[in-house]
PDB file of N, CA and C in Angstrom:
ATOM      1  N   UNK A   1       1.022 -39.105  12.515  1.00  0.00           N
ATOM      2  CA  UNK A   1       0.757 -37.885  13.242  1.00  0.00           C
ATOM      3  C   UNK A   1      -0.232 -37.055  12.434  1.00  0.00           C
ATOM      4  N   UNK A   2      -1.080 -36.337  13.159  1.00  0.00           N
ATOM      5  CA  UNK A   2      -2.012 -35.421  12.509  1.00  0.00           C
ATOM      6  C   UNK A   2      -1.784 -34.024  13.073  1.00  0.00           C
ATOM      7  N   UNK A   3      -1.925 -33.040  12.209  1.00  0.00           N
ATOM      8  CA  UNK A   3      -1.761 -31.630  12.574  1.00  0.00           C
ATOM      9  C   UNK A   3      -2.987 -30.899  12.064  1.00  0.00           C
ATOM     10  N   UNK A   4      -3.534 -30.007  12.865  1.00  0.00           N
ATOM     11  CA  UNK A   4      -4.672 -29.207  12.425  1.00  0.00           C
ATOM     12  C   UNK A   4      -4.178 -27.853  11.939  1.00  0.00           C
ATOM     13  N   UNK A   5      -4.603 -27.482  10.741  1.00  0.00           N
ATOM     14  CA  UNK A   5      -4.276 -26.178  10.165  1.00  0.00           C
ATOM     15  C   UNK A   5      -5.531 -25.309  10.234  1.00  0.00           C
ATOM     16  N   UNK A   6      -5.403 -24.144  10.862  1.00  0.00           N
ATOM     17  CA  UNK A   6      -6.507 -23.193  10.953  1.00  0.00           C
ATOM     18  C   UNK A   6      -6.057 -21.877  10.335  1.00  0.00           C
ATOM     19  N   UNK A   7      -6.840 -21.370   9.407  1.00  0.00           N
ATOM     20  CA  UNK A   7      -6.560 -20.086   8.762  1.00  0.00           C
ATOM     21  C   UNK A   7      -7.529 -19.070   9.339  1.00  0.00           C
ATOM     22  N   UNK A   8      -6.981 -17.967   9.848  1.00  0.00           N
ATOM     23  CA  UNK A   8      -7.768 -16.908  10.465  1.00  0.00           C
ATOM     24  C   UNK A   8      -7.569 -15.636   9.664  1.00  0.00           C
ATOM     25  N   UNK A   9      -8.666 -14.958   9.356  1.00  0.00           N
ATOM     26  CA  UNK A   9      -8.580 -13.702   8.625  1.00  0.00           C
ATOM     27  C   UNK A   9      -8.911 -12.555   9.584  1.00  0.00           C
ATOM     28  N   UNK A  10      -8.097 -11.518   9.537  1.00  0.00           N
ATOM     29  CA  UNK A  10      -8.316 -10.319  10.339  1.00  0.00           C
ATOM     30  C   UNK A  10      -8.565  -9.167   9.386  1.00  0.00           C
ATOM     31  N   UNK A  11      -9.696  -8.512   9.547  1.00  0.00           N
ATOM     32  CA  UNK A  11     -10.032  -7.340   8.748  1.00  0.00           C
ATOM     33  C   UNK A  11     -10.028  -6.130   9.672  1.00  0.00           C
ATOM     34  N   UNK A  12      -9.275  -5.092   9.294  1.00  0.00           N
ATOM     35  CA  UNK A  12      -9.166  -3.891  10.111  1.00  0.00           C
ATOM     36  C   UNK A  12      -9.490  -2.678   9.250  1.00  0.00           C
ATOM     37  N   UNK A  13     -10.349  -1.809   9.764  1.00  0.00           N
ATOM     38  CA  UNK A  13     -10.637  -0.533   9.123  1.00  0.00           C
ATOM     39  C   UNK A  13     -10.036   0.563   9.980  1.00  0.00           C
ATOM     40  N   UNK A  14      -9.289   1.459   9.341  1.00  0.00           N
ATOM     41  CA  UNK A  14      -8.688   2.568  10.071  1.00  0.00           C
ATOM     42  C   UNK A  14      -8.833   3.838   9.242  1.00  0.00           C
ATOM     43  N   UNK A  15      -8.951   4.952   9.939  1.00  0.00           N
ATOM     44  CA  UNK A  15      -9.116   6.234   9.268  1.00  0.00           C
ATOM     45  C   UNK A  15      -7.796   6.665   8.637  1.00  0.00           C
ATOM     46  N   UNK A  16      -7.861   7.243   7.450  1.00  0.00           N
ATOM     47  CA  UNK A  16      -6.664   7.729   6.782  1.00  0.00           C
ATOM     48  C   UNK A  16      -6.133   6.737   5.772  1.00  0.00           C
ATOM     49  N   UNK A  17      -4.984   7.066   5.234  1.00  0.00           N
ATOM     50  CA  UNK A  17      -4.396   6.236   4.187  1.00  0.00           C
ATOM     51  C   UNK A  17      -3.076   5.590   4.596  1.00  0.00           C
ATOM     52  N   UNK A  18      -2.618   5.837   5.810  1.00  0.00           N
ATOM     53  CA  UNK A  18      -1.360   5.251   6.275  1.00  0.00           C
ATOM     54  C   UNK A  18      -1.552   3.775   6.591  1.00  0.00           C
ATOM     55  N   UNK A  19      -0.574   2.938   6.264  1.00  0.00           N
ATOM     56  CA  UNK A  19      -0.687   1.521   6.613  1.00  0.00           C
ATOM     57  C   UNK A  19      -0.629   1.340   8.130  1.00  0.00           C
ATOM     58  N   UNK A  20      -1.280   0.300   8.613  1.00  0.00           N
ATOM     59  CA  UNK A  20      -1.254  -0.003  10.047  1.00  0.00           C
ATOM     60  C   UNK A  20       0.164  -0.347  10.486  1.00  0.00           C
ATOM     61  N   UNK A  21       0.520   0.101  11.675  1.00  0.00           N
ATOM     62  CA  UNK A  21       1.804  -0.267  12.263  1.00  0.00           C
ATOM     63  C   UNK A  21       1.531  -0.887  13.620  1.00  0.00           C
ATOM     64  N   UNK A  22       1.877  -2.159  13.756  1.00  0.00           N
ATOM     65  CA  UNK A  22       1.698  -2.849  15.025  1.00  0.00           C
ATOM     66  C   UNK A  22       2.809  -3.868  15.194  1.00  0.00           C
ATOM     67  N   UNK A  23       3.110  -4.198  16.452  1.00  0.00           N
ATOM     68  CA  UNK A  23       4.219  -5.092  16.757  1.00  0.00           C
ATOM     69  C   UNK A  23       3.816  -6.561  16.726  1.00  0.00           C
ATOM     70  N   UNK A  24       2.618  -6.849  17.200  1.00  0.00           N
ATOM     71  CA  UNK A  24       2.167  -8.234  17.294  1.00  0.00           C
ATOM     72  C   UNK A  24       0.642  -8.258  17.338  1.00  0.00           C
ATOM     73  N   UNK A  25       0.066  -9.451  17.417  1.00  0.00           N
ATOM     74  CA  UNK A  25      -1.393  -9.558  17.416  1.00  0.00           C
ATOM     75  C   UNK A  25      -2.030  -8.938  18.661  1.00  0.00           C
ATOM     76  N   UNK A  26      -1.342  -8.979  19.786  1.00  0.00           N
ATOM     77  CA  UNK A  26      -1.864  -8.352  20.998  1.00  0.00           C
ATOM     78  C   UNK A  26      -1.966  -6.837  20.797  1.00  0.00           C
ATOM     79  N   UNK A  27      -0.971  -6.244  20.178  1.00  0.00           N
ATOM     80  CA  UNK A  27      -0.976  -4.816  19.872  1.00  0.00           C
ATOM     81  C   UNK A  27      -2.118  -4.486  18.906  1.00  0.00           C
ATOM     82  N   UNK A  28      -2.304  -5.305  17.901  1.00  0.00           N
ATOM     83  CA  UNK A  28      -3.384  -5.101  16.944  1.00  0.00           C
ATOM     84  C   UNK A  28      -4.742  -5.213  17.630  1.00  0.00           C
ATOM     85  N   UNK A  29      -4.890  -6.190  18.508  1.00  0.00           N
ATOM     86  CA  UNK A  29      -6.155  -6.346  19.248  1.00  0.00           C
ATOM     87  C   UNK A  29      -6.440  -5.111  20.091  1.00  0.00           C
ATOM     88  N   UNK A  30      -5.425  -4.568  20.751  1.00  0.00           N
ATOM     89  CA  UNK A  30      -5.600  -3.351  21.547  1.00  0.00           C
ATOM     90  C   UNK A  30      -6.050  -2.195  20.644  1.00  0.00           C
ATOM     91  N   UNK A  31      -5.430  -2.077  19.479  1.00  0.00           N
ATOM     92  CA  UNK A  31      -5.800  -1.001  18.558  1.00  0.00           C
ATOM     93  C   UNK A  31      -7.270  -1.113  18.149  1.00  0.00           C
ATOM     94  N   UNK A  32      -7.741  -2.345  17.933  1.00  0.00           N
ATOM     95  CA  UNK A  32      -9.136  -2.540  17.529  1.00  0.00           C
ATOM     96  C   UNK A  32     -10.098  -2.316  18.695  1.00  0.00           C
ATOM     97  N   UNK A  33      -9.670  -2.654  19.924  1.00  0.00           N
ATOM     98  CA  UNK A  33     -10.543  -2.507  21.091  1.00  0.00           C
ATOM     99  C   UNK A  33     -10.522  -1.102  21.682  1.00  0.00           C
ATOM    100  N   UNK A  34      -9.332  -0.485  21.735  1.00  0.00           N
ATOM    101  CA  UNK A  34      -9.169   0.786  22.441  1.00  0.00           C
ATOM    102  C   UNK A  34      -8.746   1.944  21.546  1.00  0.00           C
ATOM    103  N   UNK A  35      -8.270   1.654  20.365  1.00  0.00           N
ATOM    104  CA  UNK A  35      -7.728   2.697  19.498  1.00  0.00           C
ATOM    105  C   UNK A  35      -8.739   3.236  18.510  1.00  0.00           C
ATOM    106  N   UNK A  36      -8.235   3.759  17.416  1.00  0.00           N
ATOM    107  CA  UNK A  36      -9.082   4.379  16.401  1.00  0.00           C
ATOM    108  C   UNK A  36      -9.399   3.425  15.252  1.00  0.00           C
ATOM    109  N   UNK A  37      -9.133   2.157  15.442  1.00  0.00           N
ATOM    110  CA  UNK A  37      -9.400   1.161  14.419  1.00  0.00           C
ATOM    111  C   UNK A  37     -10.564   0.273  14.861  1.00  0.00           C
ATOM    112  N   UNK A  38     -11.188  -0.339  13.900  1.00  0.00           N
ATOM    113  CA  UNK A  38     -12.223  -1.325  14.196  1.00  0.00           C
ATOM    114  C   UNK A  38     -11.919  -2.545  13.357  1.00  0.00           C
ATOM    115  N   UNK A  39     -12.169  -3.712  13.897  1.00  0.00           N
ATOM    116  CA  UNK A  39     -11.830  -4.905  13.139  1.00  0.00           C
ATOM    117  C   UNK A  39     -12.598  -6.123  13.572  1.00  0.00           C
ATOM    118  N   UNK A  40     -12.327  -7.190  12.851  1.00  0.00           N
ATOM    119  CA  UNK A  40     -12.993  -8.456  13.099  1.00  0.00           C
ATOM    120  C   UNK A  40     -12.026  -9.591  12.776  1.00  0.00           C
ATOM    121  N   UNK A  41     -12.056 -10.626  13.590  1.00  0.00           N
ATOM    122  CA  UNK A  41     -11.284 -11.837  13.335  1.00  0.00           C
ATOM    123  C   UNK A  41     -12.277 -12.967  13.101  1.00  0.00           C
ATOM    124  N   UNK A  42     -11.995 -13.800  12.091  1.00  0.00           N
ATOM    125  CA  UNK A  42     -12.863 -14.957  11.872  1.00  0.00           C
ATOM    126  C   UNK A  42     -12.061 -16.109  11.298  1.00  0.00           C
ATOM    127  N   UNK A  43     -12.491 -17.304  11.631  1.00  0.00           N
ATOM    128  CA  UNK A  43     -11.862 -18.509  11.097  1.00  0.00           C
ATOM    129  C   UNK A  43     -12.340 -18.689   9.665  1.00  0.00           C
ATOM    130  N   UNK A  44     -11.390 -18.796   8.748  1.00  0.00           N
ATOM    131  CA  UNK A  44     -11.700 -18.974   7.336  1.00  0.00           C
ATOM    132  C   UNK A  44     -11.794 -20.465   7.004  1.00  0.00           C
ATOM    133  N   UNK A  45     -10.863 -21.250   7.544  1.00  0.00           N
ATOM    134  CA  UNK A  45     -10.889 -22.687   7.260  1.00  0.00           C
ATOM    135  C   UNK A  45     -10.128 -23.454   8.337  1.00  0.00           C
ATOM    136  N   UNK A  46     -10.493 -24.699   8.473  1.00  0.00           N
ATOM    137  CA  UNK A  46      -9.798 -25.619   9.370  1.00  0.00           C
ATOM    138  C   UNK A  46      -9.719 -26.969   8.662  1.00  0.00           C
ATOM    139  N   UNK A  47      -8.541 -27.557   8.680  1.00  0.00           N
ATOM    140  CA  UNK A  47      -8.392 -28.883   8.080  1.00  0.00           C
ATOM    141  C   UNK A  47      -7.348 -29.687   8.846  1.00  0.00           C
ATOM    142  N   UNK A  48      -7.534 -30.985   8.844  1.00  0.00           N
ATOM    143  CA  UNK A  48      -6.582 -31.884   9.489  1.00  0.00           C
ATOM    144  C   UNK A  48      -5.603 -32.374   8.425  1.00  0.00           C
ATOM    145  N   UNK A  49      -4.323 -32.234   8.729  1.00  0.00           N
ATOM    146  CA  UNK A  49      -3.259 -32.686   7.830  1.00  0.00           C
ATOM    147  C   UNK A  49      -2.667 -33.968   8.395  1.00  0.00           C
ATOM    148  N   UNK A  50      -2.583 -34.999   7.562  1.00  0.00           N
ATOM    149  CA  UNK A  50      -1.991 -36.254   8.038  1.00  0.00           C
ATOM    150  C   UNK A  50      -0.812 -36.714   7.183  1.00  0.00           C
ATOM    151  N   UNK A  51      -0.678 -36.165   5.983  1.00  0.00           N
ATOM    152  CA  UNK A  51       0.445 -36.514   5.110  1.00  0.00           C
ATOM    153  C   UNK A  51       1.691 -35.763   5.591  1.00  0.00           C
ATOM    154  N   UNK A  52       2.734 -36.481   6.015  1.00  0.00           N
ATOM    155  CA  UNK A  52       3.940 -35.823   6.524  1.00  0.00           C
ATOM    156  C   UNK A  52       4.545 -34.814   5.547  1.00  0.00           C
ATOM    157  N   UNK A  53       4.488 -35.107   4.250  1.00  0.00           N
ATOM    158  CA  UNK A  53       5.041 -34.159   3.261  1.00  0.00           C
ATOM    159  C   UNK A  53       4.231 -32.867   3.236  1.00  0.00           C
ATOM    160  N   UNK A  54       2.935 -32.993   3.386  1.00  0.00           N
ATOM    161  CA  UNK A  54       2.074 -31.795   3.418  1.00  0.00           C
ATOM    162  C   UNK A  54       2.355 -30.973   4.680  1.00  0.00           C
ATOM    163  N   UNK A  55       2.541 -31.656   5.802  1.00  0.00           N
ATOM    164  CA  UNK A  55       2.851 -30.962   7.058  1.00  0.00           C
ATOM    165  C   UNK A  55       4.157 -30.186   6.921  1.00  0.00           C
ATOM    166  N   UNK A  56       5.187 -30.839   6.373  1.00  0.00           N
ATOM    167  CA  UNK A  56       6.474 -30.155   6.159  1.00  0.00           C
ATOM    168  C   UNK A  56       6.280 -28.965   5.222  1.00  0.00           C
ATOM    169  N   UNK A  57       5.516 -29.140   4.149  1.00  0.00           N
ATOM    170  CA  UNK A  57       5.257 -28.047   3.211  1.00  0.00           C
ATOM    171  C   UNK A  57       4.566 -26.872   3.872  1.00  0.00           C
ATOM    172  N   UNK A  58       3.602 -27.149   4.728  1.00  0.00           N
ATOM    173  CA  UNK A  58       2.900 -26.071   5.443  1.00  0.00           C
ATOM    174  C   UNK A  58       3.849 -25.362   6.412  1.00  0.00           C
ATOM    175  N   UNK A  59       4.696 -26.127   7.095  1.00  0.00           N
ATOM    176  CA  UNK A  59       5.679 -25.515   7.994  1.00  0.00           C
ATOM    177  C   UNK A  59       6.625 -24.603   7.222  1.00  0.00           C
ATOM    178  N   UNK A  60       7.103 -25.080   6.088  1.00  0.00           N
ATOM    179  CA  UNK A  60       7.997 -24.258   5.272  1.00  0.00           C
ATOM    180  C   UNK A  60       7.303 -22.988   4.792  1.00  0.00           C
ATOM    181  N   UNK A  61       6.009 -23.080   4.477  1.00  0.00           N
ATOM    182  CA  UNK A  61       5.284 -21.916   3.957  1.00  0.00           C
ATOM    183  C   UNK A  61       5.095 -20.823   5.001  1.00  0.00           C
ATOM    184  N   UNK A  62       5.198 -21.172   6.287  1.00  0.00           N
ATOM    185  CA  UNK A  62       5.078 -20.144   7.327  1.00  0.00           C
ATOM    186  C   UNK A  62       6.434 -19.746   7.911  1.00  0.00           C
ATOM    187  N   UNK A  63       7.501 -20.175   7.255  1.00  0.00           N
ATOM    188  CA  UNK A  63       8.833 -19.735   7.660  1.00  0.00           C
ATOM    189  C   UNK A  63       9.571 -20.655   8.609  1.00  0.00           C
ATOM    190  N   UNK A  64       9.019 -21.809   8.911  1.00  0.00           N
ATOM    191  CA  UNK A  64       9.710 -22.780   9.735  1.00  0.00           C
ATOM    192  C   UNK A  64      10.653 -23.590   8.851  1.00  0.00           C
ATOM    193  N   UNK A  65      11.599 -24.294   9.459  1.00  0.00           N
ATOM    194  CA  UNK A  65      12.526 -25.112   8.662  1.00  0.00           C
ATOM    195  C   UNK A  65      11.948 -26.486   8.340  1.00  0.00           C
ATOM    196  N   UNK A  66      10.709 -26.733   8.741  1.00  0.00           N
ATOM    197  CA  UNK A  66      10.036 -27.993   8.439  1.00  0.00           C
ATOM    198  C   UNK A  66      10.184 -29.060   9.498  1.00  0.00           C
ATOM    199  N   UNK A  67      10.862 -28.732  10.609  1.00  0.00           N
ATOM    200  CA  UNK A  67      11.127 -29.755  11.628  1.00  0.00           C
ATOM    201  C   UNK A  67      10.372 -29.526  12.944  1.00  0.00           C
ATOM    202  N   UNK A  68       9.477 -28.550  12.997  1.00  0.00           N
ATOM    203  CA  UNK A  68       8.828 -28.213  14.265  1.00  0.00           C
ATOM    204  C   UNK A  68       8.183 -29.412  14.946  1.00  0.00           C
ATOM    205  N   UNK A  69       7.437 -30.208  14.210  1.00  0.00           N
ATOM    206  CA  UNK A  69       6.726 -31.332  14.812  1.00  0.00           C
ATOM    207  C   UNK A  69       7.578 -32.585  14.947  1.00  0.00           C
ATOM    208  N   UNK A  70       8.831 -32.548  14.548  1.00  0.00           N
ATOM    209  CA  UNK A  70       9.715 -33.702  14.724  1.00  0.00           C
ATOM    210  C   UNK A  70       9.968 -34.014  16.177  1.00  0.00           C
ATOM    211  N   UNK A  71       9.717 -33.047  17.071  1.00  0.00           N
ATOM    212  CA  UNK A  71       9.958 -33.270  18.492  1.00  0.00           C
ATOM    213  C   UNK A  71       8.873 -34.116  19.128  1.00  0.00           C
ATOM    214  N   UNK A  72       7.776 -34.356  18.417  1.00  0.00           N
ATOM    215  CA  UNK A  72       6.662 -35.135  18.981  1.00  0.00           C
ATOM    216  C   UNK A  72       6.902 -36.603  18.796  1.00  0.00           C
TER     217      UNK A  72
END
């Protein structure tokens, strides 16, 4: 099995010193499009993972239990 890993970076500029508060990426996108923030999203890297141990490691690093792709 092969899995593609894509890393996306989001940069947001907002007025003031308070940290951004948003519920999800859709909320953040609205803030950048309609709110007082401006931002940019860009793909930082893309790689194909084929080693099952690496796939499990990547799943664990994002908070999964490592079994997400076992259903395939």
